[in-house]
Amino acid sequence: MKSIEIKVPRNLIRKFYPYPEPYGDGDYVVDLINGMYTDVFYREEGDFVTITNDNKLISYLKMNQMKSRQCFFRNGVYSLRIKEDIDNQNIEDWNASTPILVELEMPEEHNLPNEFMFCFYWIEVGYATIKVRTMTLRVYEKNLIHMIDIGVAVDLLVEAIKKIVNNHIE
């Protein structure tokens, strides 16, 4: 059978791993919720694809296609989305490790949810909570995002918050 390119819906991916070879066949290796593994490529449209000729994998993916999760903020490879019930397992798993913590003072008026997921290349790498006027960003997937990327994401988020506040004032 000839290999085909097929979407790998984010909700079917249990865990991401960095691709083991620098110039390998994918961006990441993923563990699917059914126990299968495959390599995937990031797509800017909001999903991942794999190129495969594995009939079982193709059949499974075709039967389980879903639309991408919706983000309320996106700038390049960084995105934020509202926390969903499906995220509880990730957060529970993450609680066993120590996160990188970033705290930001928030303006009184903002329209961000009190709890949301922080994604890098559509991969949930952490989450944030807002209490009173402080946002705490917790980054757990340190093997999938570098400190410089966290810094860039925080800078972009600060700029977005400033724009939101300025739009409310004008």
N, C-alpha and C. Protein backbone atom coordinates (compact mmCIF):
# COMPACT_ATOMS: atom_id res chain seq x y z
N MET A 1 0.84 -1.19 0.00
CA MET A 1 0.00 0.00 0.00
C MET A 1 0.88 1.24 0.00
N LYS A 2 0.43 2.24 -0.70
CA LYS A 2 1.13 3.50 -0.78
C LYS A 2 0.88 4.31 0.49
N SER A 3 1.87 5.07 0.94
CA SER A 3 1.70 5.93 2.13
C SER A 3 0.78 7.09 1.80
N ILE A 4 -0.02 7.49 2.82
CA ILE A 4 -0.90 8.64 2.67
C ILE A 4 -0.64 9.62 3.81
N GLU A 5 -1.01 10.87 3.58
CA GLU A 5 -0.95 11.88 4.64
C GLU A 5 -2.34 11.97 5.25
N ILE A 6 -2.41 11.85 6.57
CA ILE A 6 -3.71 11.88 7.26
C ILE A 6 -3.59 12.68 8.54
N LYS A 7 -4.68 13.42 8.86
CA LYS A 7 -4.70 14.21 10.10
C LYS A 7 -4.69 13.29 11.31
N VAL A 8 -3.98 13.76 12.33
CA VAL A 8 -3.97 13.10 13.63
C VAL A 8 -4.61 14.09 14.60
N PRO A 9 -5.90 13.91 14.90
CA PRO A 9 -6.59 14.87 15.78
C PRO A 9 -5.91 14.97 17.14
N ARG A 10 -5.83 16.19 17.63
CA ARG A 10 -5.16 16.45 18.91
C ARG A 10 -5.78 15.65 20.06
N ASN A 11 -7.09 15.43 20.03
CA ASN A 11 -7.75 14.71 21.12
C ASN A 11 -7.37 13.22 21.16
N LEU A 12 -6.75 12.70 20.10
CA LEU A 12 -6.31 11.30 20.10
C LEU A 12 -4.88 11.13 20.59
N ILE A 13 -4.19 12.24 20.82
CA ILE A 13 -2.79 12.19 21.24
C ILE A 13 -2.71 12.27 22.76
N ARG A 14 -2.11 11.23 23.35
CA ARG A 14 -1.95 11.20 24.80
C ARG A 14 -0.70 11.96 25.22
N LYS A 15 0.41 11.74 24.49
CA LYS A 15 1.70 12.30 24.92
C LYS A 15 2.55 12.61 23.71
N PHE A 16 3.28 13.71 23.78
CA PHE A 16 4.24 14.10 22.75
C PHE A 16 5.65 13.82 23.24
N TYR A 17 6.52 13.44 22.32
CA TYR A 17 7.94 13.25 22.61
C TYR A 17 8.74 13.95 21.52
N PRO A 18 9.86 14.55 21.88
CA PRO A 18 10.70 15.15 20.83
C PRO A 18 11.14 14.06 19.85
N TYR A 19 11.22 14.40 18.58
CA TYR A 19 11.66 13.40 17.60
C TYR A 19 13.10 13.03 17.91
N PRO A 20 13.43 11.74 17.94
CA PRO A 20 14.76 11.30 18.41
C PRO A 20 15.93 11.67 17.50
N GLU A 21 15.65 11.95 16.23
CA GLU A 21 16.73 12.29 15.30
C GLU A 21 16.52 13.71 14.79
N PRO A 22 17.59 14.51 14.69
CA PRO A 22 17.42 15.90 14.28
C PRO A 22 16.83 16.07 12.88
N TYR A 23 17.10 15.15 11.97
CA TYR A 23 16.56 15.26 10.61
C TYR A 23 15.76 14.02 10.28
N GLY A 24 14.88 13.66 11.17
CA GLY A 24 14.09 12.45 11.02
C GLY A 24 12.84 12.66 10.19
N ASP A 25 11.91 11.73 10.35
CA ASP A 25 10.71 11.71 9.54
C ASP A 25 9.55 12.51 10.11
N GLY A 26 9.72 13.17 11.25
CA GLY A 26 8.60 13.92 11.82
C GLY A 26 9.08 15.01 12.76
N ASP A 27 8.12 15.83 13.22
CA ASP A 27 8.43 16.86 14.20
C ASP A 27 8.41 16.29 15.61
N TYR A 28 7.47 15.34 15.85
CA TYR A 28 7.31 14.71 17.16
C TYR A 28 6.94 13.25 16.96
N VAL A 29 7.17 12.47 17.99
CA VAL A 29 6.62 11.12 18.08
C VAL A 29 5.50 11.23 19.10
N VAL A 30 4.35 10.61 18.81
CA VAL A 30 3.22 10.71 19.72
C VAL A 30 2.72 9.33 20.13
N ASP A 31 2.22 9.29 21.34
CA ASP A 31 1.55 8.12 21.90
C ASP A 31 0.06 8.42 21.79
N LEU A 32 -0.65 7.61 21.03
CA LEU A 32 -2.09 7.82 20.86
C LEU A 32 -2.85 7.17 22.01
N ILE A 33 -4.07 7.60 22.23
CA ILE A 33 -4.85 7.09 23.36
C ILE A 33 -5.20 5.61 23.21
N ASN A 34 -5.09 5.06 22.00
CA ASN A 34 -5.36 3.63 21.80
C ASN A 34 -4.11 2.77 21.94
N GLY A 35 -2.98 3.39 22.32
CA GLY A 35 -1.73 2.65 22.53
C GLY A 35 -0.81 2.63 21.32
N MET A 36 -1.25 3.12 20.18
CA MET A 36 -0.39 3.17 18.99
C MET A 36 0.56 4.36 19.09
N TYR A 37 1.67 4.26 18.36
CA TYR A 37 2.63 5.36 18.26
C TYR A 37 2.78 5.72 16.79
N THR A 38 3.06 6.98 16.53
CA THR A 38 3.37 7.42 15.17
C THR A 38 4.14 8.72 15.25
N ASP A 39 4.77 9.08 14.14
CA ASP A 39 5.41 10.39 14.08
C ASP A 39 4.43 11.36 13.45
N VAL A 40 4.51 12.62 13.85
CA VAL A 40 3.60 13.63 13.33
C VAL A 40 4.36 14.89 12.93
N PHE A 41 3.72 15.63 12.04
CA PHE A 41 4.22 16.91 11.59
C PHE A 41 3.23 17.99 12.02
N TYR A 42 3.74 19.11 12.49
CA TYR A 42 2.94 20.26 12.89
C TYR A 42 2.39 20.95 11.64
N ARG A 43 1.14 21.38 11.70
CA ARG A 43 0.52 22.18 10.64
C ARG A 43 -0.01 23.47 11.25
N GLU A 44 0.25 24.59 10.61
CA GLU A 44 -0.17 25.89 11.14
C GLU A 44 -1.69 26.00 11.28
N GLU A 45 -2.42 25.20 10.53
CA GLU A 45 -3.88 25.27 10.55
C GLU A 45 -4.47 24.81 11.88
N GLY A 46 -3.67 24.19 12.72
CA GLY A 46 -4.18 23.79 14.03
C GLY A 46 -4.23 22.31 14.28
N ASP A 47 -3.46 21.56 13.53
CA ASP A 47 -3.50 20.12 13.75
C ASP A 47 -2.15 19.49 13.41
N PHE A 48 -2.14 18.18 13.42
CA PHE A 48 -0.95 17.41 13.10
C PHE A 48 -1.31 16.41 12.02
N VAL A 49 -0.33 16.00 11.24
CA VAL A 49 -0.54 14.95 10.24
C VAL A 49 0.57 13.92 10.37
N THR A 50 0.27 12.73 9.89
CA THR A 50 1.28 11.68 9.79
C THR A 50 1.26 11.15 8.37
N ILE A 51 2.36 10.63 7.93
CA ILE A 51 2.44 9.99 6.62
C ILE A 51 2.70 8.52 6.91
N THR A 52 1.75 7.68 6.51
CA THR A 52 1.82 6.28 6.89
C THR A 52 1.17 5.38 5.85
N ASN A 53 1.56 4.10 5.90
CA ASN A 53 0.89 3.08 5.11
C ASN A 53 0.33 1.99 6.03
N ASP A 54 0.31 2.25 7.32
CA ASP A 54 -0.19 1.31 8.32
C ASP A 54 -1.73 1.30 8.28
N ASN A 55 -2.31 0.21 7.78
CA ASN A 55 -3.77 0.12 7.61
C ASN A 55 -4.53 0.31 8.90
N LYS A 56 -4.04 -0.27 10.01
CA LYS A 56 -4.73 -0.14 11.29
C LYS A 56 -4.73 1.32 11.75
N LEU A 57 -3.60 1.99 11.62
CA LEU A 57 -3.51 3.39 12.01
C LEU A 57 -4.41 4.26 11.14
N ILE A 58 -4.38 4.06 9.83
CA ILE A 58 -5.20 4.83 8.91
C ILE A 58 -6.68 4.65 9.24
N SER A 59 -7.10 3.42 9.45
CA SER A 59 -8.49 3.12 9.78
C SER A 59 -8.91 3.82 11.08
N TYR A 60 -8.06 3.71 12.10
CA TYR A 60 -8.35 4.34 13.39
C TYR A 60 -8.48 5.85 13.25
N LEU A 61 -7.55 6.48 12.54
CA LEU A 61 -7.58 7.93 12.39
C LEU A 61 -8.79 8.38 11.57
N LYS A 62 -9.13 7.65 10.52
CA LYS A 62 -10.29 8.02 9.71
C LYS A 62 -11.59 7.93 10.50
N MET A 63 -11.69 6.96 11.39
CA MET A 63 -12.91 6.79 12.19
C MET A 63 -13.02 7.82 13.30
N ASN A 64 -11.94 8.50 13.63
CA ASN A 64 -11.93 9.39 14.79
C ASN A 64 -11.54 10.82 14.47
N GLN A 65 -11.84 11.29 13.27
CA GLN A 65 -11.52 12.67 12.91
C GLN A 65 -12.42 13.64 13.66
N MET A 66 -11.82 14.71 14.16
CA MET A 66 -12.56 15.76 14.85
C MET A 66 -11.96 17.10 14.45
N LYS A 67 -12.71 18.16 14.67
CA LYS A 67 -12.18 19.48 14.33
C LYS A 67 -11.18 19.93 15.40
N SER A 68 -10.34 20.86 15.02
CA SER A 68 -9.31 21.38 15.91
C SER A 68 -9.93 22.13 17.09
N ARG A 69 -9.18 22.20 18.19
CA ARG A 69 -9.62 22.97 19.35
C ARG A 69 -9.48 24.45 19.05
N GLN A 70 -10.38 25.24 19.59
CA GLN A 70 -10.41 26.67 19.31
C GLN A 70 -9.57 27.45 20.32
N CYS A 71 -8.76 28.36 19.79
CA CYS A 71 -7.91 29.21 20.63
C CYS A 71 -8.49 30.63 20.70
N PHE A 72 -8.32 31.28 21.85
CA PHE A 72 -8.78 32.66 21.96
C PHE A 72 -7.62 33.64 21.76
N PHE A 73 -6.39 33.12 21.70
CA PHE A 73 -5.22 33.95 21.41
C PHE A 73 -4.24 33.10 20.63
N ARG A 74 -3.72 33.66 19.56
CA ARG A 74 -2.69 32.95 18.80
C ARG A 74 -1.76 33.97 18.19
N ASN A 75 -0.47 33.70 18.31
CA ASN A 75 0.54 34.52 17.67
C ASN A 75 1.64 33.57 17.24
N GLY A 76 1.66 33.25 15.96
CA GLY A 76 2.65 32.30 15.46
C GLY A 76 2.43 30.92 16.05
N VAL A 77 3.45 30.38 16.69
CA VAL A 77 3.37 29.03 17.24
C VAL A 77 2.84 29.01 18.67
N TYR A 78 2.52 30.18 19.23
CA TYR A 78 2.02 30.28 20.59
C TYR A 78 0.50 30.46 20.57
N SER A 79 -0.19 29.76 21.44
CA SER A 79 -1.64 29.94 21.50
C SER A 79 -2.14 29.66 22.92
N LEU A 80 -3.31 30.22 23.19
CA LEU A 80 -3.99 30.02 24.46
C LEU A 80 -5.40 29.56 24.14
N ARG A 81 -5.91 28.64 24.94
CA ARG A 81 -7.28 28.19 24.76
C ARG A 81 -7.90 27.91 26.12
N ILE A 82 -9.22 28.00 26.18
CA ILE A 82 -9.93 27.75 27.42
C ILE A 82 -9.71 26.31 27.86
N LYS A 83 -9.50 26.12 29.14
CA LYS A 83 -9.31 24.79 29.70
C LYS A 83 -10.60 23.99 29.53
N GLU A 84 -10.45 22.74 29.09
CA GLU A 84 -11.57 21.83 28.90
C GLU A 84 -11.42 20.64 29.84
N ASP A 85 -12.46 19.87 30.00
CA ASP A 85 -12.40 18.68 30.86
C ASP A 85 -11.30 17.72 30.44
N ILE A 86 -11.05 17.63 29.13
CA ILE A 86 -10.03 16.72 28.62
C ILE A 86 -8.63 17.10 29.14
N ASP A 87 -8.45 18.34 29.57
CA ASP A 87 -7.15 18.81 30.07
C ASP A 87 -6.86 18.38 31.50
N ASN A 88 -7.88 17.93 32.21
CA ASN A 88 -7.69 17.56 33.62
C ASN A 88 -6.66 16.46 33.81
N GLN A 89 -6.59 15.49 32.88
CA GLN A 89 -5.62 14.41 32.99
C GLN A 89 -4.20 14.95 32.86
N ASN A 90 -3.97 15.83 31.89
CA ASN A 90 -2.64 16.45 31.74
C ASN A 90 -2.25 17.18 33.01
N ILE A 91 -3.15 18.00 33.53
CA ILE A 91 -2.86 18.79 34.72
C ILE A 91 -2.57 17.88 35.91
N GLU A 92 -3.34 16.82 36.03
CA GLU A 92 -3.10 15.86 37.12
C GLU A 92 -1.72 15.21 36.98
N ASP A 93 -1.36 14.82 35.77
CA ASP A 93 -0.03 14.23 35.52
C ASP A 93 1.07 15.24 35.80
N TRP A 94 0.84 16.49 35.41
CA TRP A 94 1.85 17.53 35.60
C TRP A 94 2.10 17.83 37.07
N ASN A 95 1.11 17.66 37.92
CA ASN A 95 1.25 18.00 39.33
C ASN A 95 2.36 17.21 40.02
N ALA A 96 2.82 16.14 39.40
CA ALA A 96 3.91 15.34 39.97
C ALA A 96 5.28 15.97 39.67
N SER A 97 5.32 17.01 38.84
CA SER A 97 6.60 17.63 38.50
C SER A 97 6.60 19.11 38.88
N THR A 98 7.77 19.70 38.85
CA THR A 98 7.92 21.11 39.20
C THR A 98 7.88 21.95 37.93
N PRO A 99 6.97 22.92 37.88
CA PRO A 99 6.88 23.74 36.67
C PRO A 99 7.85 24.91 36.68
N ILE A 100 8.01 25.51 35.52
CA ILE A 100 8.61 26.83 35.41
C ILE A 100 7.46 27.79 35.67
N LEU A 101 7.62 28.67 36.63
CA LEU A 101 6.56 29.60 37.00
C LEU A 101 6.87 31.00 36.50
N VAL A 102 5.86 31.64 35.91
CA VAL A 102 5.97 33.03 35.49
C VAL A 102 4.74 33.73 36.03
N GLU A 103 4.96 34.82 36.79
CA GLU A 103 3.83 35.59 37.31
C GLU A 103 3.80 36.96 36.66
N LEU A 104 2.60 37.37 36.26
CA LEU A 104 2.40 38.67 35.63
C LEU A 104 1.31 39.42 36.36
N GLU A 105 1.53 40.71 36.56
CA GLU A 105 0.48 41.54 37.14
C GLU A 105 -0.51 41.85 36.03
N MET A 106 -1.78 41.70 36.35
CA MET A 106 -2.84 41.89 35.36
C MET A 106 -3.55 43.22 35.62
N PRO A 107 -4.02 43.87 34.57
CA PRO A 107 -4.83 45.07 34.78
C PRO A 107 -6.19 44.65 35.36
N GLU A 108 -6.86 45.60 35.99
CA GLU A 108 -8.17 45.29 36.57
C GLU A 108 -9.15 44.84 35.51
N GLU A 109 -9.11 45.49 34.35
CA GLU A 109 -10.02 45.13 33.27
C GLU A 109 -9.28 44.30 32.23
N HIS A 110 -9.69 43.08 32.09
CA HIS A 110 -9.19 42.20 31.04
C HIS A 110 -10.30 41.21 30.74
N ASN A 111 -10.22 40.58 29.59
CA ASN A 111 -11.27 39.62 29.26
C ASN A 111 -10.73 38.20 29.13
N LEU A 112 -9.66 37.92 29.82
CA LEU A 112 -9.11 36.56 29.79
C LEU A 112 -9.88 35.68 30.77
N PRO A 113 -10.02 34.40 30.43
CA PRO A 113 -10.65 33.48 31.38
C PRO A 113 -9.75 33.29 32.61
N ASN A 114 -10.32 32.82 33.70
CA ASN A 114 -9.54 32.63 34.93
C ASN A 114 -8.60 31.44 34.86
N GLU A 115 -8.82 30.55 33.91
CA GLU A 115 -7.99 29.37 33.76
C GLU A 115 -7.91 29.02 32.28
N PHE A 116 -6.70 28.83 31.76
CA PHE A 116 -6.56 28.49 30.35
C PHE A 116 -5.26 27.72 30.10
N MET A 117 -5.23 27.06 28.95
CA MET A 117 -4.09 26.24 28.56
C MET A 117 -3.12 27.07 27.71
N PHE A 118 -1.84 26.82 27.92
CA PHE A 118 -0.78 27.45 27.15
C PHE A 118 -0.23 26.41 26.18
N CYS A 119 -0.29 26.72 24.88
CA CYS A 119 0.11 25.75 23.85
C CYS A 119 1.28 26.30 23.02
N PHE A 120 2.15 25.41 22.64
CA PHE A 120 3.29 25.70 21.78
C PHE A 120 3.23 24.69 20.66
N TYR A 121 3.11 25.15 19.41
CA TYR A 121 2.88 24.25 18.27
C TYR A 121 1.67 23.36 18.51
N TRP A 122 0.59 23.92 19.06
CA TRP A 122 -0.67 23.22 19.35
C TRP A 122 -0.54 22.17 20.44
N ILE A 123 0.59 22.11 21.10
CA ILE A 123 0.80 21.13 22.17
C ILE A 123 0.63 21.84 23.50
N GLU A 124 -0.19 21.30 24.37
CA GLU A 124 -0.35 21.88 25.69
C GLU A 124 0.93 21.66 26.47
N VAL A 125 1.61 22.76 26.80
CA VAL A 125 2.86 22.66 27.55
C VAL A 125 2.70 23.20 28.97
N GLY A 126 1.55 23.81 29.25
CA GLY A 126 1.31 24.33 30.57
C GLY A 126 -0.07 24.97 30.65
N TYR A 127 -0.33 25.59 31.77
CA TYR A 127 -1.60 26.29 31.93
C TYR A 127 -1.41 27.50 32.82
N ALA A 128 -2.41 28.38 32.78
CA ALA A 128 -2.34 29.61 33.55
C ALA A 128 -3.63 29.78 34.35
N THR A 129 -3.48 30.45 35.49
CA THR A 129 -4.62 30.82 36.30
C THR A 129 -4.51 32.30 36.61
N ILE A 130 -5.65 32.95 36.74
CA ILE A 130 -5.67 34.36 37.11
C ILE A 130 -6.47 34.47 38.40
N LYS A 131 -5.81 35.00 39.42
CA LYS A 131 -6.46 35.25 40.71
C LYS A 131 -6.18 36.68 41.09
N VAL A 132 -7.24 37.37 41.43
CA VAL A 132 -7.21 38.80 41.74
C VAL A 132 -6.57 39.52 40.56
N ARG A 133 -5.35 40.01 40.70
CA ARG A 133 -4.69 40.72 39.59
C ARG A 133 -3.37 40.07 39.22
N THR A 134 -3.25 38.77 39.49
CA THR A 134 -2.01 38.07 39.18
C THR A 134 -2.29 36.86 38.30
N MET A 135 -1.60 36.80 37.16
CA MET A 135 -1.67 35.62 36.32
C MET A 135 -0.43 34.77 36.61
N THR A 136 -0.65 33.50 36.89
CA THR A 136 0.45 32.56 37.10
C THR A 136 0.46 31.57 35.95
N LEU A 137 1.53 31.61 35.17
CA LEU A 137 1.72 30.68 34.06
C LEU A 137 2.64 29.57 34.55
N ARG A 138 2.20 28.33 34.40
CA ARG A 138 2.98 27.16 34.80
C ARG A 138 3.32 26.37 33.54
N VAL A 139 4.61 26.19 33.28
CA VAL A 139 5.06 25.44 32.11
C VAL A 139 5.67 24.13 32.59
N TYR A 140 5.09 23.03 32.14
CA TYR A 140 5.51 21.70 32.60
C TYR A 140 6.29 20.92 31.55
N GLU A 141 5.92 21.03 30.29
CA GLU A 141 6.55 20.22 29.24
C GLU A 141 7.86 20.88 28.80
N LYS A 142 8.85 20.86 29.70
CA LYS A 142 10.12 21.57 29.46
C LYS A 142 10.95 20.93 28.36
N ASN A 143 10.67 19.67 28.03
CA ASN A 143 11.41 19.03 26.95
C ASN A 143 10.84 19.41 25.58
N LEU A 144 9.69 20.08 25.55
CA LEU A 144 9.06 20.46 24.29
C LEU A 144 9.12 21.96 24.00
N ILE A 145 9.53 22.76 24.98
CA ILE A 145 9.63 24.21 24.80
C ILE A 145 10.86 24.72 25.55
N HIS A 146 11.59 25.62 24.93
CA HIS A 146 12.80 26.16 25.54
C HIS A 146 12.48 27.45 26.29
N MET A 147 13.38 27.83 27.20
CA MET A 147 13.19 29.05 28.00
C MET A 147 13.00 30.29 27.11
N ILE A 148 13.74 30.36 26.03
CA ILE A 148 13.62 31.54 25.15
C ILE A 148 12.22 31.61 24.54
N ASP A 149 11.64 30.46 24.21
CA ASP A 149 10.28 30.44 23.68
C ASP A 149 9.26 30.86 24.74
N ILE A 150 9.49 30.47 25.97
CA ILE A 150 8.61 30.88 27.06
C ILE A 150 8.68 32.41 27.21
N GLY A 151 9.90 32.96 27.15
CA GLY A 151 10.08 34.41 27.24
C GLY A 151 9.37 35.15 26.12
N VAL A 152 9.50 34.65 24.89
CA VAL A 152 8.82 35.27 23.75
C VAL A 152 7.31 35.21 23.94
N ALA A 153 6.80 34.06 24.38
CA ALA A 153 5.36 33.90 24.60
C ALA A 153 4.86 34.88 25.65
N VAL A 154 5.60 35.05 26.72
CA VAL A 154 5.20 35.98 27.78
C VAL A 154 5.18 37.41 27.24
N ASP A 155 6.20 37.78 26.47
CA ASP A 155 6.23 39.12 25.87
C ASP A 155 5.03 39.35 24.95
N LEU A 156 4.69 38.36 24.14
CA LEU A 156 3.53 38.48 23.24
C LEU A 156 2.23 38.60 24.03
N LEU A 157 2.14 37.84 25.11
CA LEU A 157 0.95 37.88 25.95
C LEU A 157 0.80 39.24 26.63
N VAL A 158 1.89 39.79 27.12
CA VAL A 158 1.86 41.12 27.75
C VAL A 158 1.39 42.16 26.73
N GLU A 159 1.91 42.10 25.51
CA GLU A 159 1.49 43.04 24.47
C GLU A 159 0.01 42.88 24.13
N ALA A 160 -0.46 41.64 24.07
CA ALA A 160 -1.88 41.39 23.77
C ALA A 160 -2.77 41.93 24.88
N ILE A 161 -2.36 41.76 26.12
CA ILE A 161 -3.14 42.27 27.26
C ILE A 161 -3.19 43.80 27.22
N LYS A 162 -2.07 44.43 26.89
CA LYS A 162 -2.05 45.89 26.77
C LYS A 162 -3.01 46.36 25.69
N LYS A 163 -3.06 45.67 24.56
CA LYS A 163 -3.97 46.04 23.48
C LYS A 163 -5.43 45.89 23.93
N ILE A 164 -5.72 44.80 24.62
CA ILE A 164 -7.08 44.57 25.12
C ILE A 164 -7.50 45.70 26.05
N VAL A 165 -6.62 46.07 26.98
CA VAL A 165 -6.92 47.13 27.94
C VAL A 165 -7.09 48.46 27.20
N ASN A 166 -6.21 48.78 26.26
CA ASN A 166 -6.30 50.03 25.52
C ASN A 166 -7.58 50.10 24.70
N ASN A 167 -8.03 48.99 24.15
CA ASN A 167 -9.28 48.97 23.38
C ASN A 167 -10.49 49.22 24.28
N HIS A 168 -10.43 48.75 25.54
CA HIS A 168 -11.53 49.02 26.47
C HIS A 168 -11.58 50.49 26.88
N ILE A 169 -10.41 51.11 26.98
CA ILE A 169 -10.32 52.51 27.42
C ILE A 169 -10.79 53.45 26.33
N GLU A 170 -10.45 53.15 25.07
CA GLU A 170 -10.77 54.06 23.94
C GLU A 170 -12.23 54.10 23.62
